[in-house]
Amino acid sequence: MERAGNFLGGMLRQLKRPEAAVAWLSGVWPSVVGKTLARHTRPVHCHKGCLEVAADGKAWRKQLEEMKSEFCAQVNKAWGGTLVREVKFVAAKPGPRHISHELDNEHTPFIRRRKA
């Protein structure tokens, strides 16, 4: 059975729409750049061969500037063609400060024991 990411990548290539490329990249981002980098980066915009990647903090952006060619190569390899010719690292917009426990998959509630 063919992997869904490979199948969807081929279908989205036919659409030739920038938002389709970003939607696909968002889904496969950890497998394209690795889990560690995916925790600190995310694709936000792709237009005319320029991919904007949001990165956490100045230190991450500075470090990633040296890896632009690797990002291009990995994205294009995963896409199966030339999608990206340039990568720009931009500041990540701050997310919500508090996520409700219903939406937080990392939250583990504690259970209180009743006194008898």
N, C-alpha and C. Protein backbone atom coordinates (compact mmCIF):
# COMPACT_ATOMS: atom_id res chain seq x y z
N MET A 1 0.84 -1.19 0.00
CA MET A 1 0.00 0.00 0.00
C MET A 1 0.88 1.24 0.00
N GLU A 2 0.55 2.21 -0.80
CA GLU A 2 1.33 3.44 -0.93
C GLU A 2 1.08 4.34 0.28
N ARG A 3 2.14 4.98 0.77
CA ARG A 3 1.98 5.89 1.90
C ARG A 3 1.09 7.06 1.52
N ALA A 4 0.25 7.47 2.46
CA ALA A 4 -0.69 8.57 2.20
C ALA A 4 0.03 9.86 1.86
N GLY A 5 1.15 10.13 2.54
CA GLY A 5 1.91 11.35 2.26
C GLY A 5 2.41 11.40 0.84
N ASN A 6 2.88 10.27 0.32
CA ASN A 6 3.36 10.23 -1.06
C ASN A 6 2.20 10.45 -2.03
N PHE A 7 1.08 9.81 -1.77
CA PHE A 7 -0.08 9.94 -2.63
C PHE A 7 -0.61 11.38 -2.62
N LEU A 8 -0.76 11.95 -1.42
CA LEU A 8 -1.28 13.31 -1.31
C LEU A 8 -0.33 14.33 -1.91
N GLY A 9 0.97 14.10 -1.74
CA GLY A 9 1.95 15.01 -2.34
C GLY A 9 1.78 15.07 -3.85
N GLY A 10 1.58 13.92 -4.47
CA GLY A 10 1.37 13.87 -5.92
C GLY A 10 0.09 14.59 -6.33
N MET A 11 -0.97 14.37 -5.58
CA MET A 11 -2.24 15.04 -5.88
C MET A 11 -2.13 16.55 -5.72
N LEU A 12 -1.46 16.99 -4.65
CA LEU A 12 -1.33 18.43 -4.41
C LEU A 12 -0.42 19.10 -5.42
N ARG A 13 0.57 18.37 -5.94
CA ARG A 13 1.44 18.94 -6.98
C ARG A 13 0.62 19.30 -8.21
N GLN A 14 -0.41 18.53 -8.49
CA GLN A 14 -1.25 18.79 -9.65
C GLN A 14 -2.10 20.04 -9.46
N LEU A 15 -2.42 20.38 -8.21
CA LEU A 15 -3.23 21.57 -7.95
C LEU A 15 -2.48 22.86 -8.23
N LYS A 16 -1.17 22.87 -8.01
CA LYS A 16 -0.31 24.04 -8.23
C LYS A 16 -0.84 25.27 -7.49
N ARG A 17 -1.24 25.06 -6.24
CA ARG A 17 -1.71 26.16 -5.41
C ARG A 17 -0.82 26.27 -4.19
N PRO A 18 -0.35 27.47 -3.83
CA PRO A 18 0.57 27.61 -2.71
C PRO A 18 -0.01 27.14 -1.37
N GLU A 19 -1.28 27.38 -1.14
CA GLU A 19 -1.86 26.95 0.14
C GLU A 19 -1.94 25.44 0.24
N ALA A 20 -2.06 24.77 -0.90
CA ALA A 20 -2.06 23.31 -0.90
C ALA A 20 -0.68 22.78 -0.49
N ALA A 21 0.36 23.43 -0.98
CA ALA A 21 1.72 23.02 -0.63
C ALA A 21 1.98 23.21 0.85
N VAL A 22 1.56 24.32 1.43
CA VAL A 22 1.77 24.58 2.86
C VAL A 22 0.96 23.60 3.70
N ALA A 23 -0.26 23.29 3.26
CA ALA A 23 -1.08 22.33 4.00
C ALA A 23 -0.40 20.96 4.00
N TRP A 24 0.11 20.55 2.86
CA TRP A 24 0.81 19.26 2.78
C TRP A 24 2.08 19.29 3.64
N LEU A 25 2.86 20.36 3.51
CA LEU A 25 4.10 20.48 4.28
C LEU A 25 3.83 20.45 5.78
N SER A 26 2.77 21.10 6.21
CA SER A 26 2.45 21.11 7.65
C SER A 26 2.21 19.70 8.16
N GLY A 27 1.60 18.86 7.35
CA GLY A 27 1.32 17.50 7.76
C GLY A 27 2.54 16.60 7.80
N VAL A 28 3.49 16.83 6.91
CA VAL A 28 4.67 15.95 6.83
C VAL A 28 5.93 16.61 7.39
N TRP A 29 5.79 17.78 7.97
CA TRP A 29 6.94 18.56 8.43
C TRP A 29 7.92 17.77 9.31
N PRO A 30 7.47 17.02 10.33
CA PRO A 30 8.42 16.27 11.16
C PRO A 30 9.22 15.24 10.36
N SER A 31 8.63 14.64 9.36
CA SER A 31 9.38 13.65 8.58
C SER A 31 10.32 14.32 7.58
N VAL A 32 10.05 15.57 7.22
CA VAL A 32 10.90 16.29 6.28
C VAL A 32 12.13 16.87 6.98
N VAL A 33 11.93 17.53 8.11
CA VAL A 33 13.05 18.21 8.77
C VAL A 33 13.52 17.51 10.04
N GLY A 34 12.80 16.50 10.49
CA GLY A 34 13.17 15.82 11.73
C GLY A 34 12.34 16.34 12.89
N LYS A 35 12.17 15.49 13.89
CA LYS A 35 11.30 15.83 15.02
C LYS A 35 11.80 17.02 15.83
N THR A 36 13.11 17.10 16.04
CA THR A 36 13.66 18.19 16.84
C THR A 36 13.42 19.54 16.18
N LEU A 37 13.75 19.65 14.90
CA LEU A 37 13.54 20.92 14.20
C LEU A 37 12.05 21.22 14.05
N ALA A 38 11.24 20.20 13.88
CA ALA A 38 9.80 20.41 13.72
C ALA A 38 9.18 21.00 14.98
N ARG A 39 9.76 20.71 16.15
CA ARG A 39 9.24 21.28 17.40
C ARG A 39 9.47 22.78 17.47
N HIS A 40 10.46 23.28 16.73
CA HIS A 40 10.83 24.69 16.82
C HIS A 40 10.57 25.47 15.54
N THR A 41 10.06 24.80 14.51
CA THR A 41 9.78 25.46 13.24
C THR A 41 8.46 24.96 12.68
N ARG A 42 7.90 25.74 11.75
CA ARG A 42 6.73 25.29 11.01
C ARG A 42 6.60 26.11 9.73
N PRO A 43 6.18 25.48 8.65
CA PRO A 43 5.99 26.23 7.40
C PRO A 43 4.75 27.11 7.51
N VAL A 44 4.86 28.36 7.05
CA VAL A 44 3.72 29.26 7.17
C VAL A 44 3.24 29.81 5.84
N HIS A 45 4.12 29.90 4.84
CA HIS A 45 3.73 30.49 3.56
C HIS A 45 4.67 30.00 2.47
N CYS A 46 4.11 29.73 1.31
CA CYS A 46 4.93 29.33 0.16
C CYS A 46 4.37 30.02 -1.07
N HIS A 47 5.20 30.84 -1.70
CA HIS A 47 4.75 31.57 -2.88
C HIS A 47 5.92 31.78 -3.84
N LYS A 48 5.73 31.38 -5.08
CA LYS A 48 6.72 31.55 -6.14
C LYS A 48 8.09 31.01 -5.75
N GLY A 49 8.12 29.84 -5.17
CA GLY A 49 9.39 29.19 -4.84
C GLY A 49 10.04 29.65 -3.55
N CYS A 50 9.39 30.56 -2.82
CA CYS A 50 9.93 31.03 -1.55
C CYS A 50 9.08 30.47 -0.40
N LEU A 51 9.72 29.71 0.46
CA LEU A 51 9.04 29.12 1.61
C LEU A 51 9.40 29.92 2.85
N GLU A 52 8.38 30.39 3.56
CA GLU A 52 8.59 31.07 4.83
C GLU A 52 8.38 30.05 5.94
N VAL A 53 9.37 29.99 6.82
CA VAL A 53 9.32 29.06 7.94
C VAL A 53 9.39 29.85 9.23
N ALA A 54 8.40 29.68 10.08
CA ALA A 54 8.40 30.34 11.39
C ALA A 54 9.31 29.55 12.32
N ALA A 55 10.19 30.26 13.01
CA ALA A 55 11.14 29.62 13.93
C ALA A 55 11.07 30.29 15.29
N ASP A 56 11.24 29.50 16.33
CA ASP A 56 11.20 30.01 17.70
C ASP A 56 12.46 30.81 18.01
N GLY A 57 12.30 32.08 18.29
CA GLY A 57 13.39 32.91 18.80
C GLY A 57 14.50 33.21 17.81
N LYS A 58 15.25 34.26 18.13
CA LYS A 58 16.36 34.70 17.28
C LYS A 58 17.47 33.67 17.18
N ALA A 59 17.73 32.98 18.28
CA ALA A 59 18.82 31.99 18.28
C ALA A 59 18.53 30.87 17.28
N TRP A 60 17.29 30.40 17.25
CA TRP A 60 16.92 29.36 16.30
C TRP A 60 17.01 29.87 14.88
N ARG A 61 16.50 31.08 14.62
CA ARG A 61 16.55 31.64 13.26
C ARG A 61 17.98 31.81 12.79
N LYS A 62 18.85 32.30 13.66
CA LYS A 62 20.25 32.49 13.28
C LYS A 62 20.92 31.16 12.95
N GLN A 63 20.67 30.16 13.76
CA GLN A 63 21.26 28.83 13.53
C GLN A 63 20.73 28.23 12.23
N LEU A 64 19.46 28.42 11.97
CA LEU A 64 18.84 27.82 10.78
C LEU A 64 19.23 28.51 9.49
N GLU A 65 19.65 29.77 9.57
CA GLU A 65 20.09 30.48 8.36
C GLU A 65 21.18 29.71 7.62
N GLU A 66 22.03 29.02 8.37
CA GLU A 66 23.11 28.26 7.76
C GLU A 66 22.61 26.97 7.11
N MET A 67 21.36 26.61 7.36
CA MET A 67 20.83 25.35 6.85
C MET A 67 19.81 25.55 5.73
N LYS A 68 19.77 26.72 5.12
CA LYS A 68 18.78 27.01 4.09
C LYS A 68 18.82 26.01 2.94
N SER A 69 20.01 25.69 2.47
CA SER A 69 20.11 24.78 1.33
C SER A 69 19.63 23.38 1.69
N GLU A 70 19.90 22.94 2.94
CA GLU A 70 19.41 21.63 3.38
C GLU A 70 17.88 21.61 3.45
N PHE A 71 17.28 22.71 3.94
CA PHE A 71 15.83 22.79 3.99
C PHE A 71 15.25 22.69 2.58
N CYS A 72 15.81 23.44 1.64
CA CYS A 72 15.33 23.39 0.25
C CYS A 72 15.41 21.97 -0.29
N ALA A 73 16.55 21.34 -0.11
CA ALA A 73 16.76 19.99 -0.64
C ALA A 73 15.78 19.00 -0.03
N GLN A 74 15.58 19.05 1.27
CA GLN A 74 14.69 18.11 1.94
C GLN A 74 13.23 18.32 1.52
N VAL A 75 12.81 19.57 1.42
CA VAL A 75 11.43 19.86 1.01
C VAL A 75 11.21 19.39 -0.43
N ASN A 76 12.13 19.71 -1.31
CA ASN A 76 12.00 19.32 -2.71
C ASN A 76 12.03 17.81 -2.89
N LYS A 77 12.86 17.15 -2.10
CA LYS A 77 12.93 15.68 -2.16
C LYS A 77 11.59 15.08 -1.73
N ALA A 78 11.03 15.59 -0.63
CA ALA A 78 9.75 15.08 -0.14
C ALA A 78 8.62 15.40 -1.11
N TRP A 79 8.68 16.56 -1.74
CA TRP A 79 7.65 16.99 -2.68
C TRP A 79 7.73 16.19 -3.98
N GLY A 80 8.93 15.77 -4.34
CA GLY A 80 9.10 15.01 -5.57
C GLY A 80 9.30 15.90 -6.78
N GLY A 81 9.77 17.09 -6.56
CA GLY A 81 10.01 18.07 -7.62
C GLY A 81 10.52 19.35 -7.00
N THR A 82 10.62 20.39 -7.82
CA THR A 82 11.11 21.67 -7.30
C THR A 82 9.94 22.52 -6.83
N LEU A 83 9.76 22.57 -5.56
CA LEU A 83 8.73 23.40 -4.95
C LEU A 83 9.36 24.68 -4.39
N VAL A 84 10.56 24.54 -3.83
CA VAL A 84 11.21 25.64 -3.10
C VAL A 84 12.58 25.94 -3.69
N ARG A 85 12.83 27.23 -3.94
CA ARG A 85 14.16 27.67 -4.37
C ARG A 85 14.84 28.51 -3.29
N GLU A 86 14.01 29.03 -2.38
CA GLU A 86 14.52 29.90 -1.32
C GLU A 86 13.74 29.66 -0.04
N VAL A 87 14.42 29.76 1.09
CA VAL A 87 13.77 29.63 2.40
C VAL A 87 14.06 30.88 3.21
N LYS A 88 13.02 31.44 3.80
CA LYS A 88 13.16 32.59 4.70
C LYS A 88 12.68 32.15 6.07
N PHE A 89 13.45 32.49 7.09
CA PHE A 89 13.06 32.18 8.46
C PHE A 89 12.50 33.44 9.09
N VAL A 90 11.29 33.33 9.60
CA VAL A 90 10.60 34.47 10.19
C VAL A 90 10.28 34.16 11.65
N ALA A 91 9.96 35.21 12.39
CA ALA A 91 9.64 35.03 13.81
C ALA A 91 8.30 34.32 13.94
N ALA A 92 8.25 33.37 14.85
CA ALA A 92 7.01 32.66 15.13
C ALA A 92 6.10 33.57 15.94
N LYS A 93 4.85 33.61 15.55
CA LYS A 93 3.90 34.41 16.32
C LYS A 93 3.59 33.66 17.60
N PRO A 94 3.53 34.38 18.70
CA PRO A 94 3.25 33.69 19.97
C PRO A 94 1.87 33.08 19.95
N GLY A 95 1.80 31.86 20.48
CA GLY A 95 0.52 31.16 20.57
C GLY A 95 -0.20 31.55 21.82
N PRO A 96 -1.29 30.90 22.07
CA PRO A 96 -2.04 31.21 23.28
C PRO A 96 -1.24 30.85 24.52
N ARG A 97 -1.31 31.68 25.53
CA ARG A 97 -0.55 31.42 26.76
C ARG A 97 -1.12 30.25 27.53
N HIS A 98 -2.42 30.07 27.47
CA HIS A 98 -3.03 28.98 28.21
C HIS A 98 -3.92 28.18 27.26
N ILE A 99 -3.71 26.89 27.23
CA ILE A 99 -4.53 26.00 26.43
C ILE A 99 -5.43 25.25 27.41
N SER A 100 -6.70 25.20 27.08
CA SER A 100 -7.61 24.49 27.98
C SER A 100 -7.22 23.02 28.05
N HIS A 101 -7.48 22.40 29.17
CA HIS A 101 -7.09 21.01 29.37
C HIS A 101 -7.79 20.07 28.38
N GLU A 102 -8.95 20.45 27.90
CA GLU A 102 -9.66 19.63 26.93
C GLU A 102 -8.91 19.55 25.61
N LEU A 103 -8.17 20.61 25.26
CA LEU A 103 -7.45 20.66 23.99
C LEU A 103 -5.98 20.27 24.11
N ASP A 104 -5.48 20.18 25.33
CA ASP A 104 -4.06 19.90 25.55
C ASP A 104 -3.83 18.39 25.66
N ASN A 105 -3.23 17.81 24.64
CA ASN A 105 -2.96 16.37 24.63
C ASN A 105 -1.87 15.97 25.62
N GLU A 106 -1.09 16.92 26.08
CA GLU A 106 0.00 16.62 27.01
C GLU A 106 -0.46 16.66 28.47
N HIS A 107 -1.68 17.14 28.70
CA HIS A 107 -2.18 17.28 30.07
C HIS A 107 -2.61 15.92 30.63
N THR A 108 -2.11 15.59 31.78
CA THR A 108 -2.51 14.37 32.48
C THR A 108 -3.14 14.78 33.80
N PRO A 109 -4.43 14.59 33.94
CA PRO A 109 -5.08 15.01 35.18
C PRO A 109 -4.73 14.07 36.33
N PHE A 110 -4.77 14.60 37.51
CA PHE A 110 -4.51 13.76 38.67
C PHE A 110 -5.85 13.34 39.27
N ILE A 111 -5.82 12.28 40.03
CA ILE A 111 -7.05 11.75 40.64
C ILE A 111 -6.90 11.86 42.15
N ARG A 112 -7.87 12.50 42.77
CA ARG A 112 -7.83 12.62 44.23
C ARG A 112 -8.55 11.42 44.83
N ARG A 113 -7.99 10.95 45.90
CA ARG A 113 -8.65 9.87 46.62
C ARG A 113 -9.58 10.47 47.67
N ARG A 114 -10.70 9.86 47.81
CA ARG A 114 -11.65 10.36 48.81
C ARG A 114 -11.28 9.78 50.16
N LYS A 115 -11.41 10.59 51.14
CA LYS A 115 -11.18 10.11 52.51
C LYS A 115 -12.40 9.33 52.96
N ALA A 116 -12.14 8.18 53.54
CA ALA A 116 -13.27 7.33 53.97
C ALA A 116 -13.73 7.66 55.36
